[in-house]
Amino acid sequence: MDQTTFEKELAMCRKLHHEKKGCNWGKCENCGVIPLLYKLHKGVILEDEESIRKAKEEVFGEPI
């Protein structure tokens, strides 16, 4: 996944998180989209709860 697509997808997650705390994929705290985006773009597999929480906090700009 290229950088532009990655950033667009994260921006969409961020927007929906701030508006509704979720989307059609589910609630943000249980969602796997951000770990999937990191895997597709950076080749990094986020498996443990701590690394997933940190990535989501980084994207959303607030604690989950």
Protein backbone atom coordinates (compact mmCIF):
# COMPACT_ATOMS: atom_id res chain seq x y z
CA MET A 1 0.00 0.00 0.00
CA ASP A 2 1.41 3.38 -0.94
CA GLN A 3 1.85 6.29 1.49
CA THR A 4 -1.02 8.35 0.06
CA THR A 5 -3.56 5.54 0.41
CA PHE A 6 -2.29 4.72 3.90
CA GLU A 7 -2.71 8.33 5.01
CA LYS A 8 -6.19 8.60 3.44
CA GLU A 9 -7.37 5.45 5.21
CA LEU A 10 -5.98 6.62 8.56
CA ALA A 11 -7.63 10.02 8.06
CA MET A 12 -10.97 8.31 7.44
CA CYS A 13 -10.54 6.24 10.62
CA ARG A 14 -9.61 9.37 12.57
CA LYS A 15 -12.63 11.30 11.28
CA LEU A 16 -15.10 8.51 12.04
CA HIS A 17 -13.55 7.97 15.46
CA HIS A 18 -14.05 11.61 16.39
CA GLU A 19 -17.59 11.71 14.95
CA LYS A 20 -19.02 8.33 16.02
CA LYS A 21 -16.36 6.27 17.83
CA GLY A 22 -16.80 3.68 15.12
CA CYS A 23 -17.83 2.81 11.59
CA ASN A 24 -19.40 -0.11 9.71
CA TRP A 25 -16.43 -2.25 10.75
CA GLY A 26 -17.36 -1.80 14.42
CA LYS A 27 -16.31 0.22 17.44
CA CYS A 28 -12.81 1.70 17.37
CA GLU A 29 -11.60 0.00 20.55
CA ASN A 30 -12.25 -3.45 19.02
CA CYS A 31 -11.45 -2.68 15.39
CA GLY A 32 -8.68 -4.38 13.45
CA VAL A 33 -8.46 -1.93 10.55
CA ILE A 34 -5.52 0.10 11.89
CA PRO A 35 -3.37 -3.00 12.55
CA LEU A 36 -4.28 -4.22 9.05
CA LEU A 37 -3.29 -0.88 7.49
CA TYR A 38 0.06 -0.98 9.33
CA LYS A 39 0.65 -4.51 8.05
CA LEU A 40 -0.20 -3.61 4.44
CA HIS A 41 1.77 -0.37 4.38
CA LYS A 42 4.71 -0.82 6.73
CA GLY A 43 4.98 -4.60 6.87
CA VAL A 44 4.66 -4.40 10.66
CA ILE A 45 2.42 -6.91 12.41
CA LEU A 46 0.78 -5.46 15.51
CA GLU A 47 -0.31 -8.47 17.58
CA ASP A 48 -0.18 -7.57 21.25
CA GLU A 49 -2.78 -5.30 22.83
CA GLU A 50 -0.22 -2.69 23.92
CA SER A 51 1.19 -2.10 20.42
CA ILE A 52 -2.32 -1.94 18.93
CA ARG A 53 -3.45 0.53 21.60
CA LYS A 54 -0.39 2.74 20.99
CA ALA A 55 -0.97 2.74 17.22
CA LYS A 56 -4.63 3.69 17.67
CA GLU A 57 -3.75 6.44 20.14
CA GLU A 58 -1.21 7.79 17.66
CA VAL A 59 -3.79 7.81 14.86
CA PHE A 60 -6.66 9.20 16.93
CA GLY A 61 -4.59 11.66 18.93
CA GLU A 62 -6.22 10.58 22.20
CA PRO A 63 -6.32 7.57 24.53
CA ILE A 64 -8.53 4.65 23.58
